[in-house]
Amino acid sequence: QVQLVESGGGLVQPGGSLRLSCTASGTITIYSINPMGWYRQAPGKQRELVAVHGSMSANYSDSVKGRFTISRDNAKKTVYLQMNSLKPEDTAVYYCNLDRWGVDYWGQGTQVTVSS
């Protein structure tokens, strides 16, 4: 079993920054080759990919490129999402994801609200 716990969400003004963290725990081993990433879901919309970090590279949705940075600490089993220049349209519940050879694990989600 794997549990993913997110933290770092909150309320921020447009143009501000937040850093999300997600730490995995459990009895199974997580390898650097297993992608970890972030998705988000805004009210009335489908869940969408924000960024994913594989063993060698990171990929981003076009809407966050240049503003968000994903990083990973394999020793700590933690993935981070640094979000800069936040916009109101970034408001959503952000979910951490682990893809362990086709089996998806999800965190409980953390709310990010961008508003003045």
C-alpha atoms as a PDB file:
ATOM      1  CA  GLN A   1       0.000   0.000   0.000  1.00  0.00           C
ATOM      2  CA  VAL A   2       1.040   3.584  -0.698  1.00  0.00           C
ATOM      3  CA  GLN A   3      -0.269   6.741   0.880  1.00  0.00           C
ATOM      4  CA  LEU A   4       0.322  10.167  -0.645  1.00  0.00           C
ATOM      5  CA  VAL A   5      -0.017  13.223   1.571  1.00  0.00           C
ATOM      6  CA  GLU A   6      -0.053  16.707   0.069  1.00  0.00           C
ATOM      7  CA  SER A   7       0.574  20.003   1.814  1.00  0.00           C
ATOM      8  CA  GLY A   8       1.193  23.630   0.957  1.00  0.00           C
ATOM      9  CA  GLY A   9      -2.071  24.793  -0.542  1.00  0.00           C
ATOM     10  CA  GLY A  10      -3.839  27.976   0.475  1.00  0.00           C
ATOM     11  CA  LEU A  11      -5.060  31.389  -0.566  1.00  0.00           C
ATOM     12  CA  VAL A  12      -2.718  33.649  -2.519  1.00  0.00           C
ATOM     13  CA  GLN A  13      -3.091  36.866  -4.483  1.00  0.00           C
ATOM     14  CA  PRO A  14      -2.602  36.948  -8.245  1.00  0.00           C
ATOM     15  CA  GLY A  15       1.091  37.071  -9.062  1.00  0.00           C
ATOM     16  CA  GLY A  16       1.986  35.307  -5.859  1.00  0.00           C
ATOM     17  CA  SER A  17       3.708  31.970  -5.230  1.00  0.00           C
ATOM     18  CA  LEU A  18       3.008  28.712  -3.450  1.00  0.00           C
ATOM     19  CA  ARG A  19       4.959  25.519  -3.023  1.00  0.00           C
ATOM     20  CA  LEU A  20       3.155  22.201  -2.828  1.00  0.00           C
ATOM     21  CA  SER A  21       4.707  19.071  -1.376  1.00  0.00           C
ATOM     22  CA  CYS A  22       3.656  15.440  -1.612  1.00  0.00           C
ATOM     23  CA  THR A  23       5.281  12.680   0.391  1.00  0.00           C
ATOM     24  CA  ALA A  24       4.715   9.001  -0.218  1.00  0.00           C
ATOM     25  CA  SER A  25       4.686   6.456   2.563  1.00  0.00           C
ATOM     26  CA  GLY A  26       3.812   2.808   2.812  1.00  0.00           C
ATOM     27  CA  THR A  27       5.159  -0.673   2.626  1.00  0.00           C
ATOM     28  CA  ILE A  28       6.062  -0.867  -1.055  1.00  0.00           C
ATOM     29  CA  THR A  29       9.140   0.526  -2.706  1.00  0.00           C
ATOM     30  CA  ILE A  30       8.923   3.550  -4.945  1.00  0.00           C
ATOM     31  CA  TYR A  31      11.559   3.775  -7.634  1.00  0.00           C
ATOM     32  CA  SER A  32      12.825   6.847  -9.420  1.00  0.00           C
ATOM     33  CA  ILE A  33      11.518   5.356 -12.655  1.00  0.00           C
ATOM     34  CA  ASN A  34       7.949   5.562 -11.303  1.00  0.00           C
ATOM     35  CA  PRO A  35       6.566   8.925 -12.435  1.00  0.00           C
ATOM     36  CA  MET A  36       5.208  11.268  -9.801  1.00  0.00           C
ATOM     37  CA  GLY A  37       3.243  14.342 -10.684  1.00  0.00           C
ATOM     38  CA  TRP A  38       0.504  16.830 -10.040  1.00  0.00           C
ATOM     39  CA  TYR A  39      -2.993  17.115 -11.433  1.00  0.00           C
ATOM     40  CA  ARG A  40      -5.660  19.678 -10.703  1.00  0.00           C
ATOM     41  CA  GLN A  41      -9.420  19.907 -10.869  1.00  0.00           C
ATOM     42  CA  ALA A  42     -11.345  23.148 -10.927  1.00  0.00           C
ATOM     43  CA  PRO A  43     -15.072  23.286 -10.123  1.00  0.00           C
ATOM     44  CA  GLY A  44     -17.132  21.947 -13.016  1.00  0.00           C
ATOM     45  CA  LYS A  45     -14.065  20.813 -14.940  1.00  0.00           C
ATOM     46  CA  GLN A  46     -12.269  17.546 -15.524  1.00  0.00           C
ATOM     47  CA  ARG A  47      -9.061  16.693 -13.715  1.00  0.00           C
ATOM     48  CA  GLU A  48      -6.071  17.741 -15.808  1.00  0.00           C
ATOM     49  CA  LEU A  49      -2.360  17.106 -15.780  1.00  0.00           C
ATOM     50  CA  VAL A  50      -0.238  19.958 -14.452  1.00  0.00           C
ATOM     51  CA  ALA A  51       3.250  18.462 -14.368  1.00  0.00           C
ATOM     52  CA  VAL A  52       4.903  15.077 -14.125  1.00  0.00           C
ATOM     53  CA  HIS A  53       8.441  14.074 -13.174  1.00  0.00           C
ATOM     54  CA  GLY A  54       9.857  10.837 -14.488  1.00  0.00           C
ATOM     55  CA  SER A  55      13.264   9.378 -13.857  1.00  0.00           C
ATOM     56  CA  MET A  56      15.016  11.682 -16.302  1.00  0.00           C
ATOM     57  CA  SER A  57      12.775  14.586 -17.241  1.00  0.00           C
ATOM     58  CA  ALA A  58       9.760  16.705 -16.405  1.00  0.00           C
ATOM     59  CA  ASN A  59       6.774  17.612 -18.524  1.00  0.00           C
ATOM     60  CA  TYR A  60       4.313  20.438 -18.078  1.00  0.00           C
ATOM     61  CA  SER A  61       0.951  21.451 -19.401  1.00  0.00           C
ATOM     62  CA  ASP A  62       1.113  24.447 -21.721  1.00  0.00           C
ATOM     63  CA  SER A  63      -0.902  26.525 -19.258  1.00  0.00           C
ATOM     64  CA  VAL A  64       1.795  26.372 -16.561  1.00  0.00           C
ATOM     65  CA  LYS A  65       5.037  26.227 -18.578  1.00  0.00           C
ATOM     66  CA  GLY A  66       7.460  28.890 -17.465  1.00  0.00           C
ATOM     67  CA  ARG A  67       5.560  29.509 -14.215  1.00  0.00           C
ATOM     68  CA  PHE A  68       5.563  26.161 -12.401  1.00  0.00           C
ATOM     69  CA  THR A  69       8.503  23.903 -11.611  1.00  0.00           C
ATOM     70  CA  ILE A  70       8.255  20.283 -10.523  1.00  0.00           C
ATOM     71  CA  SER A  71      11.066  18.636  -8.618  1.00  0.00           C
ATOM     72  CA  ARG A  72      11.584  15.393  -6.815  1.00  0.00           C
ATOM     73  CA  ASP A  73      13.628  14.048  -3.915  1.00  0.00           C
ATOM     74  CA  ASN A  74      13.704  10.281  -4.316  1.00  0.00           C
ATOM     75  CA  ALA A  75      15.403   9.702  -0.975  1.00  0.00           C
ATOM     76  CA  LYS A  76      12.517  11.479   0.750  1.00  0.00           C
ATOM     77  CA  LYS A  77       9.902  10.015  -1.617  1.00  0.00           C
ATOM     78  CA  THR A  78       8.677  13.558  -2.097  1.00  0.00           C
ATOM     79  CA  VAL A  79       7.615  15.560  -5.122  1.00  0.00           C
ATOM     80  CA  TYR A  80       7.305  19.343  -5.086  1.00  0.00           C
ATOM     81  CA  LEU A  81       5.493  21.868  -7.223  1.00  0.00           C
ATOM     82  CA  GLN A  82       6.780  25.426  -7.101  1.00  0.00           C
ATOM     83  CA  MET A  83       4.075  27.696  -8.472  1.00  0.00           C
ATOM     84  CA  ASN A  84       5.000  31.264  -9.389  1.00  0.00           C
ATOM     85  CA  SER A  85       3.081  34.071 -11.087  1.00  0.00           C
ATOM     86  CA  LEU A  86      -0.173  32.472 -10.044  1.00  0.00           C
ATOM     87  CA  LYS A  87      -3.341  33.417 -11.870  1.00  0.00           C
ATOM     88  CA  PRO A  88      -6.997  33.163 -10.833  1.00  0.00           C
ATOM     89  CA  GLU A  89      -7.424  30.383 -13.400  1.00  0.00           C
ATOM     90  CA  ASP A  90      -4.928  28.289 -11.420  1.00  0.00           C
ATOM     91  CA  THR A  91      -7.560  27.975  -8.688  1.00  0.00           C
ATOM     92  CA  ALA A  92      -8.300  24.267  -8.197  1.00  0.00           C
ATOM     93  CA  VAL A  93      -7.814  21.278  -5.975  1.00  0.00           C
ATOM     94  CA  TYR A  94      -4.334  19.931  -6.676  1.00  0.00           C
ATOM     95  CA  TYR A  95      -3.768  16.193  -6.472  1.00  0.00           C
ATOM     96  CA  CYS A  96      -0.511  14.312  -6.208  1.00  0.00           C
ATOM     97  CA  ASN A  97      -0.160  11.202  -8.350  1.00  0.00           C
ATOM     98  CA  LEU A  98       2.176   8.215  -8.383  1.00  0.00           C
ATOM     99  CA  ASP A  99       2.192   5.885 -11.376  1.00  0.00           C
ATOM    100  CA  ARG A 100       3.721   2.639 -10.217  1.00  0.00           C
ATOM    101  CA  TRP A 101       3.838   0.495 -13.334  1.00  0.00           C
ATOM    102  CA  GLY A 102       0.338   1.308 -14.442  1.00  0.00           C
ATOM    103  CA  VAL A 103      -1.206   1.413 -10.978  1.00  0.00           C
ATOM    104  CA  ASP A 104      -2.237   4.943 -10.019  1.00  0.00           C
ATOM    105  CA  TYR A 105      -2.130   6.254  -6.475  1.00  0.00           C
ATOM    106  CA  TRP A 106      -3.669   9.586  -5.499  1.00  0.00           C
ATOM    107  CA  GLY A 107      -3.417  11.975  -2.618  1.00  0.00           C
ATOM    108  CA  GLN A 108      -6.441  13.533  -0.956  1.00  0.00           C
ATOM    109  CA  GLY A 109      -5.921  16.881  -2.671  1.00  0.00           C
ATOM    110  CA  THR A 110      -5.006  20.345  -1.475  1.00  0.00           C
ATOM    111  CA  GLN A 111      -6.945  23.502  -2.335  1.00  0.00           C
ATOM    112  CA  VAL A 112      -5.192  26.353  -4.111  1.00  0.00           C
ATOM    113  CA  THR A 113      -7.152  29.581  -4.416  1.00  0.00           C
ATOM    114  CA  VAL A 114      -5.799  32.565  -6.332  1.00  0.00           C
ATOM    115  CA  SER A 115      -7.837  35.661  -5.596  1.00  0.00           C
ATOM    116  CA  SER A 116      -7.448  39.276  -4.628  1.00  0.00           C
END
